[in-house]
PDB file of N, CA and C in Angstrom:
ATOM      1  N   MET A   1    -149.594 -77.849  43.845  1.00  0.00           N
ATOM      2  CA  MET A   1    -149.722 -78.449  42.182  1.00  0.00           C
ATOM      3  C   MET A   1    -148.312 -79.090  41.675  1.00  0.00           C
ATOM      4  N   LEU A   2    -147.194 -78.673  42.253  1.00  0.00           N
ATOM      5  CA  LEU A   2    -146.046 -79.408  41.524  1.00  0.00           C
ATOM      6  C   LEU A   2    -145.568 -80.238  42.221  1.00  0.00           C
ATOM      7  N   GLU A   3    -146.273 -80.503  43.746  1.00  0.00           N
ATOM      8  CA  GLU A   3    -145.914 -81.811  44.390  1.00  0.00           C
ATOM      9  C   GLU A   3    -146.406 -83.343  43.663  1.00  0.00           C
ATOM     10  N   GLU A   4    -147.958 -82.640  42.957  1.00  0.00           N
ATOM     11  CA  GLU A   4    -149.170 -83.674  42.478  1.00  0.00           C
ATOM     12  C   GLU A   4    -148.032 -84.307  41.248  1.00  0.00           C
ATOM     13  N   ARG A   5    -147.670 -82.906  40.555  1.00  0.00           N
ATOM     14  CA  ARG A   5    -146.861 -83.318  39.273  1.00  0.00           C
ATOM     15  C   ARG A   5    -145.945 -84.218  39.142  1.00  0.00           C
ATOM     16  N   ILE A   6    -144.936 -83.876  40.375  1.00  0.00           N
ATOM     17  CA  ILE A   6    -143.905 -84.860  40.699  1.00  0.00           C
ATOM     18  C   ILE A   6    -143.941 -86.342  41.590  1.00  0.00           C
ATOM     19  N   LYS A   7    -145.143 -86.044  42.030  1.00  0.00           N
ATOM     20  CA  LYS A   7    -145.269 -87.708  42.241  1.00  0.00           C
ATOM     21  C   LYS A   7    -145.854 -88.260  40.959  1.00  0.00           C
ATOM     22  N   THR A   8    -147.077 -87.612  40.057  1.00  0.00           N
ATOM     23  CA  THR A   8    -147.124 -88.286  38.872  1.00  0.00           C
ATOM     24  C   THR A   8    -145.787 -88.617  37.812  1.00  0.00           C
ATOM     25  N   GLY A   9    -144.884 -87.974  37.912  1.00  0.00           N
ATOM     26  CA  GLY A   9    -143.619 -88.372  37.240  1.00  0.00           C
ATOM     27  C   GLY A   9    -142.761 -89.311  37.947  1.00  0.00           C
ATOM     28  N   ALA A  10    -142.802 -89.258  39.102  1.00  0.00           N
ATOM     29  CA  ALA A  10    -141.830 -90.757  39.751  1.00  0.00           C
ATOM     30  C   ALA A  10    -142.939 -92.035  39.587  1.00  0.00           C
ATOM     31  N   ARG A  11    -144.136 -91.743  39.241  1.00  0.00           N
ATOM     32  CA  ARG A  11    -145.349 -92.869  39.473  1.00  0.00           C
ATOM     33  C   ARG A  11    -144.944 -93.872  37.782  1.00  0.00           C
ATOM     34  N   SER A  12    -144.527 -92.306  37.066  1.00  0.00           N
ATOM     35  CA  SER A  12    -144.398 -92.456  35.604  1.00  0.00           C
ATOM     36  C   SER A  12    -143.020 -93.471  35.395  1.00  0.00           C
ATOM     37  N   LEU A  13    -142.107 -93.027  35.801  1.00  0.00           N
ATOM     38  CA  LEU A  13    -140.826 -93.769  36.063  1.00  0.00           C
ATOM     39  C   LEU A  13    -140.908 -95.151  36.221  1.00  0.00           C
ATOM     40  N   ASP A  14    -141.795 -95.118  37.390  1.00  0.00           N
ATOM     41  CA  ASP A  14    -142.035 -96.762  38.172  1.00  0.00           C
ATOM     42  C   ASP A  14    -141.931 -97.599  36.783  1.00  0.00           C
ATOM     43  N   MET A  15    -143.216 -96.980  35.961  1.00  0.00           N
ATOM     44  CA  MET A  15    -143.642 -98.058  34.847  1.00  0.00           C
ATOM     45  C   MET A  15    -142.224 -98.185  34.154  1.00  0.00           C
ATOM     46  N   ARG A  16    -141.803 -96.853  33.211  1.00  0.00           N
ATOM     47  CA  ARG A  16    -141.351 -96.746  32.265  1.00  0.00           C
ATOM     48  C   ARG A  16    -139.786 -97.363  32.464  1.00  0.00           C
ATOM     49  N   ARG A  17    -139.337 -97.637  33.963  1.00  0.00           N
ATOM     50  CA  ARG A  17    -137.880 -97.599  34.532  1.00  0.00           C
ATOM     51  C   ARG A  17    -137.440 -97.720  35.464  1.00  0.00           C
ATOM     52  N   PRO A  18    -138.281 -99.046  35.494  1.00  0.00           N
ATOM     53  CA  PRO A  18    -138.402 -99.303  37.164  1.00  0.00           C
ATOM     54  C   PRO A  18    -136.751 -99.550  37.402  1.00  0.00           C
ATOM     55  N   GLY A  19    -136.698 -99.467  38.762  1.00  0.00           N
ATOM     56  CA  GLY A  19    -135.553 -98.437  39.879  1.00  0.00           C
ATOM     57  C   GLY A  19    -134.967 -97.618  39.147  1.00  0.00           C
ATOM     58  N   TRP A  20    -135.202 -96.848  38.914  1.00  0.00           N
ATOM     59  CA  TRP A  20    -134.799 -95.436  38.327  1.00  0.00           C
ATOM     60  C   TRP A  20    -134.237 -94.530  39.832  1.00  0.00           C
ATOM     61  N   ALA A  21    -134.925 -94.666  40.450  1.00  0.00           N
ATOM     62  CA  ALA A  21    -134.273 -94.009  41.666  1.00  0.00           C
ATOM     63  C   ALA A  21    -133.165 -94.287  42.278  1.00  0.00           C
ATOM     64  N   SER A  22    -132.706 -95.430  42.158  1.00  0.00           N
ATOM     65  CA  SER A  22    -131.196 -96.196  42.227  1.00  0.00           C
ATOM     66  C   SER A  22    -130.232 -95.542  41.053  1.00  0.00           C
ATOM     67  N   ASP A  23    -130.810 -94.875  40.243  1.00  0.00           N
ATOM     68  CA  ASP A  23    -129.603 -93.800  39.207  1.00  0.00           C
ATOM     69  C   ASP A  23    -129.511 -92.818  39.522  1.00  0.00           C
ATOM     70  N   ILE A  24    -129.970 -92.152  40.912  1.00  0.00           N
ATOM     71  CA  ILE A  24    -130.474 -90.515  40.617  1.00  0.00           C
ATOM     72  C   ILE A  24    -129.168 -90.500  41.635  1.00  0.00           C
ATOM     73  N   ASN A  25    -128.150 -89.490  41.497  1.00  0.00           N
ATOM     74  CA  ASN A  25    -127.080 -88.682  42.108  1.00  0.00           C
ATOM     75  C   ASN A  25    -127.934 -87.767  42.937  1.00  0.00           C
ATOM     76  N   THR A  26    -128.233 -87.796  44.100  1.00  0.00           N
ATOM     77  CA  THR A  26    -129.154 -86.889  44.562  1.00  0.00           C
ATOM     78  C   THR A  26    -128.355 -85.885  45.449  1.00  0.00           C
ATOM     79  N   ARG A  27    -127.351 -85.542  45.710  1.00  0.00           N
ATOM     80  CA  ARG A  27    -126.101 -84.771  45.918  1.00  0.00           C
ATOM     81  C   ARG A  27    -125.594 -83.781  44.690  1.00  0.00           C
ATOM     82  N   THR A  28    -125.876 -84.149  43.439  1.00  0.00           N
ATOM     83  CA  THR A  28    -125.317 -83.420  42.895  1.00  0.00           C
ATOM     84  C   THR A  28    -126.957 -83.272  41.350  1.00  0.00           C
ATOM     85  N   LEU A  29    -127.781 -83.917  42.128  1.00  0.00           N
ATOM     86  CA  LEU A  29    -129.091 -83.104  41.655  1.00  0.00           C
ATOM     87  C   LEU A  29    -129.503 -81.730  41.450  1.00  0.00           C
ATOM     88  N   ASP A  30    -129.912 -81.125  40.528  1.00  0.00           N
ATOM     89  CA  ASP A  30    -130.354 -79.841  40.163  1.00  0.00           C
ATOM     90  C   ASP A  30    -131.162 -79.875  39.074  1.00  0.00           C
ATOM     91  N   MET A  31    -132.373 -79.365  39.638  1.00  0.00           N
ATOM     92  CA  MET A  31    -133.333 -79.583  38.552  1.00  0.00           C
ATOM     93  C   MET A  31    -133.526 -78.164  37.409  1.00  0.00           C
ATOM     94  N   PHE A  32    -132.209 -77.416  37.739  1.00  0.00           N
ATOM     95  CA  PHE A  32    -132.334 -76.300  36.572  1.00  0.00           C
ATOM     96  C   PHE A  32    -130.882 -76.652  35.661  1.00  0.00           C
ATOM     97  N   ASP A  33    -129.942 -77.968  35.930  1.00  0.00           N
ATOM     98  CA  ASP A  33    -129.181 -77.950  35.153  1.00  0.00           C
ATOM     99  C   ASP A  33    -129.760 -79.158  34.299  1.00  0.00           C
ATOM    100  N   SER A  34    -130.172 -79.040  32.602  1.00  0.00           N
ATOM    101  CA  SER A  34    -129.968 -80.024  32.012  1.00  0.00           C
ATOM    102  C   SER A  34    -129.758 -81.118  32.018  1.00  0.00           C
ATOM    103  N   PHE A  35    -128.221 -81.637  32.594  1.00  0.00           N
ATOM    104  CA  PHE A  35    -127.896 -82.704  32.587  1.00  0.00           C
ATOM    105  C   PHE A  35    -127.784 -83.306  34.112  1.00  0.00           C
ATOM    106  N   CYS A  36    -127.996 -82.480  35.176  1.00  0.00           N
ATOM    107  CA  CYS A  36    -128.199 -83.109  36.535  1.00  0.00           C
ATOM    108  C   CYS A  36    -129.364 -83.247  37.195  1.00  0.00           C
ATOM    109  N   CYS A  37    -130.432 -82.527  36.082  1.00  0.00           N
ATOM    110  CA  CYS A  37    -131.877 -83.031  36.683  1.00  0.00           C
ATOM    111  C   CYS A  37    -132.654 -84.176  36.698  1.00  0.00           C
ATOM    112  N   ILE A  38    -133.441 -84.864  37.163  1.00  0.00           N
ATOM    113  CA  ILE A  38    -134.130 -86.504  36.540  1.00  0.00           C
ATOM    114  C   ILE A  38    -133.563 -86.636  35.533  1.00  0.00           C
ATOM    115  N   HIS A  39    -134.392 -85.874  34.424  1.00  0.00           N
ATOM    116  CA  HIS A  39    -134.442 -86.425  33.166  1.00  0.00           C
ATOM    117  C   HIS A  39    -132.987 -86.492  32.412  1.00  0.00           C
ATOM    118  N   GLY A  40    -132.195 -85.149  33.050  1.00  0.00           N
ATOM    119  CA  GLY A  40    -130.454 -85.687  32.561  1.00  0.00           C
ATOM    120  C   GLY A  40    -129.896 -86.778  32.933  1.00  0.00           C
ATOM    121  N   GLN A  41    -130.312 -87.140  34.257  1.00  0.00           N
ATOM    122  CA  GLN A  41    -128.994 -87.947  34.658  1.00  0.00           C
ATOM    123  C   GLN A  41    -129.466 -89.492  34.353  1.00  0.00           C
ATOM    124  N   LEU A  42    -130.955 -89.455  33.892  1.00  0.00           N
ATOM    125  CA  LEU A  42    -131.615 -90.931  33.806  1.00  0.00           C
ATOM    126  C   LEU A  42    -131.102 -91.443  32.088  1.00  0.00           C
ATOM    127  N   PHE A  43    -131.643 -90.381  31.437  1.00  0.00           N
ATOM    128  CA  PHE A  43    -131.727 -90.127  29.437  1.00  0.00           C
ATOM    129  C   PHE A  43    -130.160 -89.476  29.639  1.00  0.00           C
ATOM    130  N   GLY A  44    -129.383 -88.841  29.971  1.00  0.00           N
ATOM    131  CA  GLY A  44    -128.457 -87.961  29.437  1.00  0.00           C
ATOM    132  C   GLY A  44    -128.836 -86.326  29.342  1.00  0.00           C
ATOM    133  N   ASP A  45    -129.657 -85.416  28.582  1.00  0.00           N
ATOM    134  CA  ASP A  45    -129.671 -84.721  28.851  1.00  0.00           C
ATOM    135  C   ASP A  45    -131.363 -83.660  28.593  1.00  0.00           C
ATOM    136  N   PHE A  46    -131.565 -82.924  29.791  1.00  0.00           N
ATOM    137  CA  PHE A  46    -133.055 -82.655  29.263  1.00  0.00           C
ATOM    138  C   PHE A  46    -133.806 -82.088  27.934  1.00  0.00           C
ATOM    139  N   SER A  47    -132.791 -81.008  27.444  1.00  0.00           N
ATOM    140  CA  SER A  47    -132.792 -80.765  26.530  1.00  0.00           C
ATOM    141  C   SER A  47    -133.104 -81.625  25.171  1.00  0.00           C
ATOM    142  N   ASN A  48    -132.968 -82.939  25.348  1.00  0.00           N
ATOM    143  CA  ASN A  48    -133.286 -83.988  24.419  1.00  0.00           C
ATOM    144  C   ASN A  48    -134.310 -84.548  24.636  1.00  0.00           C
ATOM    145  N   TYR A  49    -135.369 -83.896  25.370  1.00  0.00           N
ATOM    146  CA  TYR A  49    -136.286 -84.957  26.087  1.00  0.00           C
ATOM    147  C   TYR A  49    -137.744 -85.657  24.445  1.00  0.00           C
ATOM    148  N   ASP A  50    -137.686 -84.306  23.385  1.00  0.00           N
ATOM    149  CA  ASP A  50    -138.007 -85.158  22.557  1.00  0.00           C
ATOM    150  C   ASP A  50    -137.526 -86.272  21.706  1.00  0.00           C
ATOM    151  N   PHE A  51    -136.229 -86.436  21.520  1.00  0.00           N
ATOM    152  CA  PHE A  51    -136.011 -87.571  21.557  1.00  0.00           C
ATOM    153  C   PHE A  51    -135.691 -89.002  22.172  1.00  0.00           C
ATOM    154  N   ASP A  52    -135.912 -88.567  23.426  1.00  0.00           N
ATOM    155  CA  ASP A  52    -136.320 -89.745  24.154  1.00  0.00           C
ATOM    156  C   ASP A  52    -137.906 -90.178  23.812  1.00  0.00           C
ATOM    157  N   GLY A  53    -138.758 -89.271  22.994  1.00  0.00           N
ATOM    158  CA  GLY A  53    -140.368 -89.592  23.431  1.00  0.00           C
ATOM    159  C   GLY A  53    -141.050 -88.936  23.982  1.00  0.00           C
ATOM    160  N   PHE A  54    -140.144 -88.169  24.842  1.00  0.00           N
ATOM    161  CA  PHE A  54    -141.590 -86.966  25.646  1.00  0.00           C
ATOM    162  C   PHE A  54    -142.197 -85.970  24.470  1.00  0.00           C
ATOM    163  N   THR A  55    -142.744 -85.175  25.366  1.00  0.00           N
ATOM    164  CA  THR A  55    -143.356 -83.728  24.735  1.00  0.00           C
ATOM    165  C   THR A  55    -143.160 -82.959  25.462  1.00  0.00           C
ATOM    166  N   TYR A  56    -142.704 -81.856  25.307  1.00  0.00           N
ATOM    167  CA  TYR A  56    -142.734 -80.556  26.729  1.00  0.00           C
ATOM    168  C   TYR A  56    -143.523 -80.909  27.690  1.00  0.00           C
ATOM    169  N   GLN A  57    -144.897 -80.709  27.203  1.00  0.00           N
ATOM    170  CA  GLN A  57    -146.099 -80.723  27.791  1.00  0.00           C
ATOM    171  C   GLN A  57    -146.510 -82.041  28.856  1.00  0.00           C
ATOM    172  N   TYR A  58    -145.516 -83.059  28.320  1.00  0.00           N
ATOM    173  CA  TYR A  58    -145.154 -84.322  29.453  1.00  0.00           C
ATOM    174  C   TYR A  58    -144.740 -84.225  30.389  1.00  0.00           C
ATOM    175  N   MET A  59    -143.156 -83.076  29.911  1.00  0.00           N
ATOM    176  CA  MET A  59    -142.205 -82.755  30.925  1.00  0.00           C
ATOM    177  C   MET A  59    -142.562 -82.340  32.269  1.00  0.00           C
ATOM    178  N   TYR A  60    -143.032 -81.051  31.978  1.00  0.00           N
ATOM    179  CA  TYR A  60    -144.297 -80.451  32.522  1.00  0.00           C
ATOM    180  C   TYR A  60    -145.373 -81.143  33.271  1.00  0.00           C
ATOM    181  N   ASP A  61    -145.739 -81.946  32.872  1.00  0.00           N
ATOM    182  CA  ASP A  61    -147.193 -82.391  33.574  1.00  0.00           C
ATOM    183  C   ASP A  61    -145.970 -83.558  34.787  1.00  0.00           C
ATOM    184  N   ASN A  62    -145.184 -83.626  34.571  1.00  0.00           N
ATOM    185  CA  ASN A  62    -144.466 -85.210  35.476  1.00  0.00           C
ATOM    186  C   ASN A  62    -143.491 -84.687  36.404  1.00  0.00           C
ATOM    187  N   GLY A  63    -143.312 -83.035  36.309  1.00  0.00           N
ATOM    188  CA  GLY A  63    -142.440 -82.539  37.545  1.00  0.00           C
ATOM    189  C   GLY A  63    -140.663 -82.220  36.984  1.00  0.00           C
ATOM    190  N   PHE A  64    -140.743 -82.828  35.671  1.00  0.00           N
ATOM    191  CA  PHE A  64    -139.578 -82.461  35.354  1.00  0.00           C
ATOM    192  C   PHE A  64    -138.932 -81.245  35.270  1.00  0.00           C
ATOM    193  N   THR A  65    -140.057 -79.799  34.906  1.00  0.00           N
ATOM    194  CA  THR A  65    -139.215 -78.831  34.911  1.00  0.00           C
ATOM    195  C   THR A  65    -140.716 -77.749  35.342  1.00  0.00           C
ATOM    196  N   ILE A  66    -140.389 -76.529  35.511  1.00  0.00           N
ATOM    197  CA  ILE A  66    -141.345 -75.749  36.585  1.00  0.00           C
ATOM    198  C   ILE A  66    -141.839 -74.812  35.546  1.00  0.00           C
ATOM    199  N   VAL A  67    -141.068 -74.674  34.119  1.00  0.00           N
ATOM    200  CA  VAL A  67    -141.716 -73.660  33.236  1.00  0.00           C
ATOM    201  C   VAL A  67    -142.785 -74.029  32.750  1.00  0.00           C
ATOM    202  N   PRO A  68    -143.894 -73.941  32.225  1.00  0.00           N
ATOM    203  CA  PRO A  68    -145.017 -73.999  31.813  1.00  0.00           C
ATOM    204  C   PRO A  68    -144.495 -73.971  30.114  1.00  0.00           C
ATOM    205  N   GLU A  69    -145.203 -75.089  29.334  1.00  0.00           N
ATOM    206  CA  GLU A  69    -144.962 -75.148  27.545  1.00  0.00           C
ATOM    207  C   GLU A  69    -145.324 -73.205  27.168  1.00  0.00           C
ATOM    208  N   ASN A  70    -146.288 -72.910  27.668  1.00  0.00           N
ATOM    209  CA  ASN A  70    -146.869 -71.815  26.848  1.00  0.00           C
ATOM    210  C   ASN A  70    -146.015 -70.887  27.370  1.00  0.00           C
ATOM    211  N   VAL A  71    -144.992 -70.349  28.360  1.00  0.00           N
ATOM    212  CA  VAL A  71    -144.270 -69.778  28.825  1.00  0.00           C
ATOM    213  C   VAL A  71    -142.722 -70.377  28.162  1.00  0.00           C
ATOM    214  N   TYR A  72    -142.146 -71.613  28.266  1.00  0.00           N
ATOM    215  CA  TYR A  72    -141.436 -71.696  27.013  1.00  0.00           C
ATOM    216  C   TYR A  72    -140.882 -71.748  25.710  1.00  0.00           C
ATOM    217  N   PHE A  73    -141.760 -71.883  24.793  1.00  0.00           N
ATOM    218  CA  PHE A  73    -142.188 -71.483  23.676  1.00  0.00           C
ATOM    219  C   PHE A  73    -142.296 -70.103  23.620  1.00  0.00           C
ATOM    220  N   MET A  74    -142.478 -69.611  24.708  1.00  0.00           N
ATOM    221  CA  MET A  74    -143.091 -67.682  23.966  1.00  0.00           C
ATOM    222  C   MET A  74    -141.812 -67.051  23.143  1.00  0.00           C
ATOM    223  N   ASN A  75    -141.108 -66.415  22.350  1.00  0.00           N
ATOM    224  CA  ASN A  75    -140.305 -65.476  21.891  1.00  0.00           C
ATOM    225  C   ASN A  75    -139.556 -64.547  22.763  1.00  0.00           C
ATOM    226  N   ASP A  76    -140.721 -63.847  23.438  1.00  0.00           N
ATOM    227  CA  ASP A  76    -140.101 -62.552  24.271  1.00  0.00           C
ATOM    228  C   ASP A  76    -139.685 -62.621  25.907  1.00  0.00           C
ATOM    229  N   TYR A  77    -140.021 -64.233  25.849  1.00  0.00           N
ATOM    230  CA  TYR A  77    -140.294 -64.696  27.508  1.00  0.00           C
ATOM    231  C   TYR A  77    -140.487 -63.776  28.721  1.00  0.00           C
ATOM    232  N   PRO A  78    -141.287 -63.674  28.567  1.00  0.00           N
ATOM    233  CA  PRO A  78    -142.054 -61.980  29.448  1.00  0.00           C
ATOM    234  C   PRO A  78    -141.993 -63.079  30.871  1.00  0.00           C
ATOM    235  N   HIS A  79    -141.532 -63.837  31.145  1.00  0.00           N
ATOM    236  CA  HIS A  79    -141.887 -64.568  32.963  1.00  0.00           C
ATOM    237  C   HIS A  79    -140.394 -65.065  33.110  1.00  0.00           C
ATOM    238  N   ARG A  80    -139.475 -64.174  32.789  1.00  0.00           N
ATOM    239  CA  ARG A  80    -137.939 -64.579  32.579  1.00  0.00           C
ATOM    240  C   ARG A  80    -138.002 -65.326  34.266  1.00  0.00           C
ATOM    241  N   SER A  81    -138.491 -64.824  34.806  1.00  0.00           N
ATOM    242  CA  SER A  81    -137.654 -65.483  36.309  1.00  0.00           C
ATOM    243  C   SER A  81    -137.841 -66.786  36.272  1.00  0.00           C
ATOM    244  N   ALA A  82    -138.725 -67.635  35.501  1.00  0.00           N
ATOM    245  CA  ALA A  82    -138.907 -68.881  35.770  1.00  0.00           C
ATOM    246  C   ALA A  82    -137.968 -69.669  35.445  1.00  0.00           C
ATOM    247  N   PHE A  83    -136.906 -68.869  34.336  1.00  0.00           N
ATOM    248  CA  PHE A  83    -135.797 -69.761  33.668  1.00  0.00           C
ATOM    249  C   PHE A  83    -134.297 -69.099  34.550  1.00  0.00           C
ATOM    250  N   SER A  84    -135.025 -68.256  36.278  1.00  0.00           N
ATOM    251  CA  SER A  84    -133.631 -67.960  36.514  1.00  0.00           C
ATOM    252  C   SER A  84    -133.588 -68.934  38.240  1.00  0.00           C
ATOM    253  N   SER A  85    -131.835 -69.431  38.147  1.00  0.00           N
ATOM    254  CA  SER A  85    -131.646 -70.831  39.505  1.00  0.00           C
ATOM    255  C   SER A  85    -132.225 -70.256  40.213  1.00  0.00           C
ATOM    256  N   ASP A  86    -132.401 -68.896  40.818  1.00  0.00           N
ATOM    257  CA  ASP A  86    -132.769 -68.230  41.819  1.00  0.00           C
ATOM    258  C   ASP A  86    -134.257 -68.782  41.973  1.00  0.00           C
ATOM    259  N   ASN A  87    -135.242 -68.985  41.242  1.00  0.00           N
ATOM    260  CA  ASN A  87    -136.042 -69.243  41.308  1.00  0.00           C
ATOM    261  C   ASN A  87    -136.591 -70.189  42.319  1.00  0.00           C
ATOM    262  N   PRO A  88    -137.318 -70.107  43.572  1.00  0.00           N
ATOM    263  CA  PRO A  88    -137.012 -71.263  44.501  1.00  0.00           C
ATOM    264  C   PRO A  88    -137.688 -72.327  44.263  1.00  0.00           C
ATOM    265  N   ASP A  89    -138.361 -72.092  43.158  1.00  0.00           N
ATOM    266  CA  ASP A  89    -139.517 -73.558  42.880  1.00  0.00           C
ATOM    267  C   ASP A  89    -138.613 -74.287  42.501  1.00  0.00           C
ATOM    268  N   TRP A  90    -137.279 -74.101  41.765  1.00  0.00           N
ATOM    269  CA  TRP A  90    -136.302 -74.980  41.288  1.00  0.00           C
ATOM    270  C   TRP A  90    -135.915 -75.757  42.371  1.00  0.00           C
ATOM    271  N   GLN A  91    -135.901 -75.473  43.594  1.00  0.00           N
ATOM    272  CA  GLN A  91    -135.425 -75.794  44.439  1.00  0.00           C
ATOM    273  C   GLN A  91    -136.210 -76.784  45.365  1.00  0.00           C
ATOM    274  N   ARG A  92    -137.652 -76.123  45.009  1.00  0.00           N
ATOM    275  CA  ARG A  92    -138.659 -77.091  45.801  1.00  0.00           C
ATOM    276  C   ARG A  92    -139.000 -78.320  45.332  1.00  0.00           C
ATOM    277  N   ALA A  93    -138.833 -78.085  43.810  1.00  0.00           N
ATOM    278  CA  ALA A  93    -138.861 -79.046  42.934  1.00  0.00           C
ATOM    279  C   ALA A  93    -137.958 -80.541  43.441  1.00  0.00           C
ATOM    280  N   ARG A  94    -136.363 -79.797  43.670  1.00  0.00           N
ATOM    281  CA  ARG A  94    -135.299 -80.948  43.878  1.00  0.00           C
ATOM    282  C   ARG A  94    -135.720 -81.451  45.454  1.00  0.00           C
ATOM    283  N   GLU A  95    -136.303 -80.993  46.446  1.00  0.00           N
ATOM    284  CA  GLU A  95    -136.881 -81.709  47.293  1.00  0.00           C
ATOM    285  C   GLU A  95    -137.709 -82.204  47.535  1.00  0.00           C
ATOM    286  N   LEU A  96    -138.597 -82.140  46.850  1.00  0.00           N
ATOM    287  CA  LEU A  96    -139.989 -82.799  46.234  1.00  0.00           C
ATOM    288  C   LEU A  96    -139.447 -84.268  45.495  1.00  0.00           C
ATOM    289  N   TRP A  97    -138.353 -84.685  44.424  1.00  0.00           N
ATOM    290  CA  TRP A  97    -137.824 -85.341  44.088  1.00  0.00           C
ATOM    291  C   TRP A  97    -136.766 -86.126  45.136  1.00  0.00           C
ATOM    292  N   ILE A  98    -136.369 -85.609  45.308  1.00  0.00           N
ATOM    293  CA  ILE A  98    -135.478 -86.544  46.625  1.00  0.00           C
ATOM    294  C   ILE A  98    -136.888 -87.280  47.534  1.00  0.00           C
ATOM    295  N   ALA A  99    -137.669 -86.688  48.147  1.00  0.00           N
ATOM    296  CA  ALA A  99    -138.430 -87.544  48.922  1.00  0.00           C
ATOM    297  C   ALA A  99    -138.978 -88.441  47.862  1.00  0.00           C
ATOM    298  N   GLU A 100    -139.036 -88.362  46.929  1.00  0.00           N
ATOM    299  CA  GLU A 100    -139.760 -89.847  45.885  1.00  0.00           C
ATOM    300  C   GLU A 100    -138.482 -90.852  46.251  1.00  0.00           C
ATOM    301  N   ILE A 101    -137.457 -90.206  45.476  1.00  0.00           N
ATOM    302  CA  ILE A 101    -136.502 -90.734  45.412  1.00  0.00           C
ATOM    303  C   ILE A 101    -135.955 -91.505  47.091  1.00  0.00           C
ATOM    304  N   VAL A 102    -135.977 -90.697  47.760  1.00  0.00           N
ATOM    305  CA  VAL A 102    -135.759 -91.697  49.275  1.00  0.00           C
ATOM    306  C   VAL A 102    -136.970 -92.541  49.635  1.00  0.00           C
ATOM    307  N   ALA A 103    -138.028 -92.210  49.132  1.00  0.00           N
ATOM    308  CA  ALA A 103    -139.224 -93.325  49.433  1.00  0.00           C
ATOM    309  C   ALA A 103    -138.889 -95.014  48.809  1.00  0.00           C
ATOM    310  N   ARG A 104    -138.339 -95.040  47.406  1.00  0.00           N
ATOM    311  CA  ARG A 104    -137.800 -95.883  46.285  1.00  0.00           C
ATOM    312  C   ARG A 104    -136.695 -96.068  46.720  1.00  0.00           C
ATOM    313  N   ARG A 105    -135.888 -96.161  47.653  1.00  0.00           N
ATOM    314  CA  ARG A 105    -134.554 -96.877  48.107  1.00  0.00           C
ATOM    315  C   ARG A 105    -134.815 -97.845  49.715  1.00  0.00           C
TER     316      ARG A 105
END
């Protein structure tokens, strides 16, 4: 599922921002960091996604985050492990994004 979401996100970026892969520094790519993630490197900061015309659901559906909207906006965050940089899904997302980037360079 994560792989398909990231492929969808990469195709979306191909249409929205042609050449985007050349603007990503894969050495510093960190999907957990709002400035070093894909969206952060392209648009300045993940936390400003709504100012860039995106919805949180779009960000999730396109592989820019591993945290589903219903978990992200919960008041007590019962699934806090998703917000940990130790969550292996963040590293898996990084690897999948790098594969999409390399395929476009």
